[in-house]
Every structure is written in structure tokens, then in C-alpha cells.
Amino acid sequence: MNIKITQPILKTVSVGALAGLRSASASAIASHMLTQHRSKKLTDTSFDFMQSKTMATALKLIAIGEFIVDKLPTTPNRIKPFLLTGRCISGAFAGAVIYKAGGGKAITGALLGGIAAFTSTFVSFI
């Protein structure tokens, strides 16, 4: 079933913001969305693998692992530069995939997702 992703800006910013909270969850949610609503815009692109149910399952397992590790007392703060960079990259990647699936340019989605991840990281840290 091919369904056009509506409101790609809202969805892109949402998965980007999610990356600021839980970095692995953004890609897991994006992949899950795309397995439920495949996009022809991703066919034959480097993002096509995100529409695979196997990839969605693997990303969900990684997100669960991240949630567990994030609750450990030894886990550093999310605003440490290395972790912040990872959250921004995660948001940018998920944003690029979702925006491209909606018919936009991947670079625009990456910028929206990365900025949303950066912002939500600090907002959620306060």
C-alpha cells in the first residue's frame, strides 16, 4: 500500500524533536511509519532500506536498548558534545528520510530534523 505522507514538515520536526529525547527512537519511528505507509519517493534511493520490516524491528530493539542504558546512573548528560552530536545526526537522518518520503528534498529534512533534535535536547534537559 502506497500512501503519501501528509504534513511532512510537521512529521519531520516531530521525529527530529524525538531524537533530542531518545536518539535511537527517531529512526525507529521513521522506519515504522514507512513500513506502514511505503513511499514511492524512496524507491531506488539510499533511504529505501528504511521501508523494510526487518530494519524497523532492528531499530526498535536498538531503541529499547538505548532506553535501558539511558536510565543507568553512569550514563552522561545528554548535552555532552559527543552525545549531542549523535542526537543531531539521528534527528537529521530521520528528518531527511521522512521529508524525502513526503516529496521534499532530503537536505531540507535533515536541516529541520537536526535543528529540532538540537533544540529538544536542551529543552528536555532543563
Protein backbone atom coordinates (compact mmCIF):
# COMPACT_ATOMS: atom_id res chain seq x y z
CA MET A 1 0.00 0.00 0.00
CA ASN A 2 1.45 3.34 -1.05
CA ILE A 3 0.14 6.34 0.83
CA LYS A 4 1.52 9.83 0.52
CA ILE A 5 2.96 11.17 3.75
CA THR A 6 0.98 14.31 4.51
CA GLN A 7 2.33 17.21 6.50
CA PRO A 8 5.98 16.22 6.02
CA ILE A 9 7.25 19.34 7.82
CA LEU A 10 5.33 18.52 10.98
CA LYS A 11 6.40 14.88 10.89
CA THR A 12 10.00 15.83 10.14
CA VAL A 13 10.20 18.25 13.05
CA SER A 14 8.47 15.72 15.30
CA VAL A 15 10.95 12.90 14.63
CA GLY A 16 13.78 15.41 14.96
CA ALA A 17 12.46 16.50 18.34
CA LEU A 18 12.14 12.86 19.36
CA ALA A 19 15.83 12.37 18.56
CA GLY A 20 16.64 15.04 21.13
CA LEU A 21 14.82 12.98 23.75
CA ARG A 22 15.77 9.45 22.66
CA SER A 23 18.20 9.41 19.74
CA ALA A 24 17.54 5.86 18.55
CA SER A 25 13.78 6.26 18.72
CA ALA A 26 13.67 8.77 15.87
CA SER A 27 14.95 6.30 13.27
CA ALA A 28 12.82 3.51 14.75
CA ILE A 29 9.65 5.59 14.46
CA ALA A 30 10.55 6.80 10.97
CA SER A 31 11.16 3.24 9.80
CA HIS A 32 7.96 2.01 11.43
CA MET A 33 5.96 4.76 9.71
CA LEU A 34 7.48 3.83 6.36
CA THR A 35 6.75 0.13 6.74
CA GLN A 36 3.11 1.02 7.32
CA HIS A 37 2.97 3.61 4.53
CA ARG A 38 5.58 2.86 1.87
CA SER A 39 6.66 5.81 -0.23
CA LYS A 40 7.46 5.53 -3.94
CA LYS A 41 9.67 8.59 -3.45
CA LEU A 42 12.15 6.39 -1.53
CA THR A 43 12.19 3.52 -4.03
CA ASP A 44 15.61 3.15 -5.64
CA THR A 45 17.19 5.68 -3.27
CA SER A 46 19.69 5.16 -0.50
CA PHE A 47 16.81 5.51 2.00
CA ASP A 48 14.77 2.58 0.64
CA PHE A 49 16.11 0.22 3.35
CA MET A 50 14.16 2.22 5.94
CA GLN A 51 10.93 0.77 4.49
CA SER A 52 11.95 -2.77 5.43
CA LYS A 53 10.11 -4.50 8.29
CA THR A 54 13.39 -6.17 9.28
CA MET A 55 15.08 -2.78 9.61
CA ALA A 56 12.13 -1.39 11.56
CA THR A 57 12.34 -4.30 14.01
CA ALA A 58 16.10 -3.93 14.42
CA LEU A 59 15.80 -0.19 15.06
CA LYS A 60 13.06 -0.78 17.62
CA LEU A 61 15.30 -3.21 19.50
CA ILE A 62 18.14 -0.67 19.44
CA ALA A 63 15.75 2.00 20.77
CA ILE A 64 14.74 -0.28 23.65
CA GLY A 65 18.41 -0.86 24.45
CA GLU A 66 19.08 2.86 24.41
CA PHE A 67 16.18 3.46 26.78
CA ILE A 68 17.62 0.96 29.26
CA VAL A 69 21.16 2.35 29.03
CA ASP A 70 19.89 5.92 29.35
CA LYS A 71 18.37 5.09 32.74
CA LEU A 72 21.66 3.86 34.21
CA PRO A 73 23.26 6.19 36.77
CA THR A 74 26.57 6.15 34.88
CA THR A 75 25.07 7.49 31.65
CA PRO A 76 26.41 11.01 30.95
CA ASN A 77 24.18 14.04 30.40
CA ARG A 78 22.53 14.36 27.00
CA ILE A 79 24.15 17.78 26.44
CA LYS A 80 27.70 16.43 26.41
CA PRO A 81 29.13 17.35 22.97
CA PHE A 82 29.55 13.76 21.74
CA LEU A 83 26.02 12.75 22.75
CA LEU A 84 24.53 16.00 21.47
CA THR A 85 26.20 15.42 18.11
CA GLY A 86 24.73 11.91 17.95
CA ARG A 87 21.26 13.23 18.71
CA CYS A 88 21.56 15.87 15.99
CA ILE A 89 22.78 13.30 13.46
CA SER A 90 19.94 10.97 14.40
CA GLY A 91 17.39 13.76 14.02
CA ALA A 92 18.91 14.84 10.72
CA PHE A 93 18.83 11.31 9.32
CA ALA A 94 15.26 10.58 10.41
CA GLY A 95 14.18 14.02 9.21
CA ALA A 96 15.79 13.50 5.81
CA VAL A 97 14.05 10.15 5.34
CA ILE A 98 10.60 11.40 6.34
CA TYR A 99 10.85 14.64 4.36
CA LYS A 100 12.10 12.81 1.27
CA ALA A 101 9.25 10.29 1.60
CA GLY A 102 6.84 13.21 1.61
CA GLY A 103 8.25 14.51 -1.66
CA GLY A 104 10.69 17.11 -0.33
CA LYS A 105 14.45 17.38 -0.54
CA ALA A 106 16.43 15.22 1.88
CA ILE A 107 18.78 18.09 2.78
CA THR A 108 15.84 20.25 3.90
CA GLY A 109 14.53 17.39 6.03
CA ALA A 110 17.99 16.85 7.50
CA LEU A 111 18.26 20.50 8.50
CA LEU A 112 14.77 20.56 10.03
CA GLY A 113 15.33 17.29 11.89
CA GLY A 114 18.79 18.25 13.14
CA ILE A 115 17.68 21.65 14.41
CA ALA A 116 14.64 20.11 16.12
CA ALA A 117 16.88 17.50 17.79
CA PHE A 118 19.31 20.15 18.99
CA THR A 119 16.50 22.28 20.39
CA SER A 120 14.62 19.47 22.09
CA THR A 121 17.82 18.17 23.68
CA PHE A 122 18.24 21.39 25.63
CA VAL A 123 14.53 21.93 26.29
CA SER A 124 14.22 18.44 27.77
CA PHE A 125 17.40 18.87 29.85
CA ILE A 126 16.11 21.86 31.82
